[in-house]
Amino acid sequence: MGDGSYVQNGVSAPSFAGCNPAHSAMSDAPVRGYRLVIRVVLLQAGCTLLVASLFFAVKGPSSGLAALAGGLIVAIGTALFGWRAFAPGVAGGVVLNRAMYTGKLLQWAWYLLALYMTLARLKLEPAPLLIGLFTAQFGYWVALFRLR
């Protein structure tokens, strides 16, 4: 009683045909994490295509390209974060914490590099680019609310 064991009065918990349910749920965590990242990135890409199409139709191809680039910057950043954050799989708190911080650092380094390239080097229009960025971020929020 209170010692954390699953054996009470000489009766053990069911074996589930040799499969420990806690073990199978824990080993599935990286797969579920990658699926989550893929779902979020696809929603971000979908929102990006929608706003880029609108800019293309209303303002022309250069605005559409800028909105597409802005949204893809966010989608690629999310993919980089998810790839790095879920890389350790089931691990200790220190390893997972380091993976999350490394993923965020990688994501923000990508954001800075990509924004520099699109604004300073490629000279894309800033307003559609930023609207594409914000719209792709909206895809992230849609994915979060859809999960609940």
Protein backbone atom coordinates (compact mmCIF):
# COMPACT_ATOMS: atom_id res chain seq x y z
CA MET A 1 0.00 0.00 0.00
CA GLY A 2 1.50 3.31 -1.06
CA ASP A 3 4.81 1.81 -2.20
CA GLY A 4 4.04 2.25 -5.90
CA SER A 5 3.79 -1.44 -6.71
CA TYR A 6 1.00 -2.95 -8.76
CA VAL A 7 0.74 -6.12 -6.73
CA GLN A 8 -2.03 -6.06 -4.16
CA ASN A 9 -2.88 -9.03 -1.94
CA GLY A 10 -0.91 -11.41 -4.14
CA VAL A 11 -2.85 -10.54 -7.34
CA SER A 12 -0.93 -8.88 -10.14
CA ALA A 13 -2.22 -6.51 -12.78
CA PRO A 14 -3.28 -8.04 -16.11
CA SER A 15 -0.46 -8.66 -18.55
CA PHE A 16 -2.25 -7.52 -21.73
CA ALA A 17 -0.84 -10.50 -23.63
CA GLY A 18 2.75 -9.69 -22.83
CA CYS A 19 2.49 -6.01 -23.71
CA ASN A 20 2.94 -3.42 -21.02
CA PRO A 21 0.47 -0.60 -21.84
CA ALA A 22 2.67 2.08 -20.29
CA HIS A 23 5.67 0.92 -22.30
CA SER A 24 3.81 0.85 -25.62
CA ALA A 25 2.34 4.32 -25.01
CA MET A 26 5.77 5.73 -24.12
CA SER A 27 7.49 4.26 -27.17
CA ASP A 28 4.79 5.78 -29.40
CA ALA A 29 5.52 9.32 -28.17
CA PRO A 30 8.13 10.22 -30.84
CA VAL A 31 5.84 9.02 -33.62
CA ARG A 32 2.94 11.07 -32.26
CA GLY A 33 5.27 14.07 -31.94
CA TYR A 34 6.37 13.82 -35.55
CA ARG A 35 2.75 13.44 -36.68
CA LEU A 36 1.86 16.57 -34.75
CA VAL A 37 4.69 18.50 -36.41
CA ILE A 38 3.63 17.29 -39.86
CA ARG A 39 0.01 18.29 -39.18
CA VAL A 40 1.02 21.77 -37.99
CA VAL A 41 3.40 22.31 -40.93
CA LEU A 42 0.72 21.21 -43.42
CA LEU A 43 -1.84 23.56 -41.86
CA GLN A 44 0.69 26.39 -42.01
CA ALA A 45 1.42 25.59 -45.64
CA GLY A 46 -2.30 25.52 -46.41
CA CYS A 47 -2.86 28.93 -44.82
CA THR A 48 0.19 30.19 -46.69
CA LEU A 49 -1.12 28.97 -50.05
CA LEU A 50 -4.47 30.59 -49.38
CA VAL A 51 -3.05 34.03 -48.60
CA ALA A 52 -0.43 33.80 -51.36
CA SER A 53 -3.18 32.98 -53.88
CA LEU A 54 -5.18 35.97 -52.72
CA PHE A 55 -2.18 38.28 -53.03
CA PHE A 56 -1.37 36.82 -56.45
CA ALA A 57 -4.91 37.43 -57.68
CA VAL A 58 -5.35 40.91 -56.21
CA LYS A 59 -1.87 42.49 -56.15
CA GLY A 60 0.10 40.48 -58.71
CA PRO A 61 2.81 37.83 -58.84
CA SER A 62 5.46 39.72 -56.87
CA SER A 63 3.12 40.15 -53.88
CA GLY A 64 2.01 36.53 -54.15
CA LEU A 65 5.62 35.37 -54.14
CA ALA A 66 6.41 37.52 -51.10
CA ALA A 67 3.41 36.13 -49.17
CA LEU A 68 4.38 32.59 -50.15
CA ALA A 69 7.96 33.15 -49.01
CA GLY A 70 6.79 34.60 -45.69
CA GLY A 71 4.54 31.66 -44.95
CA LEU A 72 7.13 29.11 -45.98
CA ILE A 73 9.65 30.73 -43.66
CA VAL A 74 7.36 29.97 -40.72
CA ALA A 75 6.46 26.47 -41.92
CA ILE A 76 10.11 25.52 -42.40
CA GLY A 77 10.96 27.02 -39.00
CA THR A 78 8.25 24.92 -37.38
CA ALA A 79 9.54 21.81 -39.14
CA LEU A 80 13.09 22.51 -37.94
CA PHE A 81 11.88 23.02 -34.38
CA GLY A 82 9.82 19.83 -34.42
CA TRP A 83 12.61 17.79 -35.98
CA ARG A 84 15.05 18.85 -33.26
CA ALA A 85 12.62 18.90 -30.34
CA PHE A 86 11.33 15.36 -30.90
CA ALA A 87 14.69 13.86 -31.91
CA PRO A 88 15.57 12.37 -28.48
CA GLY A 89 12.33 10.38 -28.26
CA VAL A 90 11.57 9.21 -24.74
CA ALA A 91 14.35 10.64 -22.58
CA GLY A 92 15.06 12.37 -19.33
CA GLY A 93 14.07 15.91 -18.50
CA VAL A 94 17.51 17.39 -19.09
CA VAL A 95 17.81 15.84 -22.55
CA LEU A 96 14.29 16.92 -23.55
CA ASN A 97 14.85 20.42 -22.19
CA ARG A 98 18.08 20.74 -24.18
CA ALA A 99 16.34 19.46 -27.32
CA MET A 100 13.55 22.02 -26.95
CA TYR A 101 15.94 24.91 -26.44
CA THR A 102 18.13 23.75 -29.31
CA GLY A 103 15.05 23.47 -31.52
CA LYS A 104 13.94 26.99 -30.65
CA LEU A 105 17.44 28.34 -31.24
CA LEU A 106 17.56 26.62 -34.63
CA GLN A 107 14.09 27.95 -35.49
CA TRP A 108 14.98 31.55 -34.63
CA ALA A 109 18.32 31.34 -36.43
CA TRP A 110 16.40 30.18 -39.51
CA TYR A 111 13.91 33.06 -39.12
CA LEU A 112 16.69 35.65 -38.97
CA LEU A 113 18.59 34.18 -41.92
CA ALA A 114 15.47 33.76 -44.06
CA LEU A 115 14.15 37.25 -43.31
CA TYR A 116 17.53 38.73 -44.13
CA MET A 117 17.65 36.83 -47.41
CA THR A 118 14.10 37.70 -48.46
CA LEU A 119 14.14 41.36 -47.47
CA ALA A 120 17.75 42.45 -47.99
CA ARG A 121 18.95 40.15 -50.77
CA LEU A 122 15.86 39.19 -52.77
CA LYS A 123 14.14 42.53 -52.09
CA LEU A 124 10.66 41.01 -51.74
CA GLU A 125 7.79 43.27 -50.75
CA PRO A 126 7.72 43.58 -46.94
CA ALA A 127 3.96 43.90 -46.36
CA PRO A 128 2.89 40.68 -48.15
CA LEU A 129 5.89 38.89 -46.65
CA LEU A 130 4.87 39.82 -43.11
CA ILE A 131 1.21 39.00 -43.79
CA GLY A 132 2.35 35.60 -45.06
CA LEU A 133 4.36 35.15 -41.85
CA PHE A 134 1.38 35.99 -39.66
CA THR A 135 -1.01 33.87 -41.68
CA ALA A 136 1.25 30.83 -41.38
CA GLN A 137 1.43 31.42 -37.64
CA PHE A 138 -2.37 31.39 -37.68
CA GLY A 139 -2.10 27.83 -39.04
CA TYR A 140 -0.22 26.90 -35.87
CA TRP A 141 -3.07 28.23 -33.71
CA VAL A 142 -5.64 26.38 -35.83
CA ALA A 143 -3.68 23.17 -35.25
CA LEU A 144 -3.62 23.77 -31.49
CA PHE A 145 -7.36 24.36 -31.25
CA ARG A 146 -8.08 21.44 -33.52
CA LEU A 147 -6.23 19.08 -31.17
CA ARG A 148 -8.54 19.76 -28.24
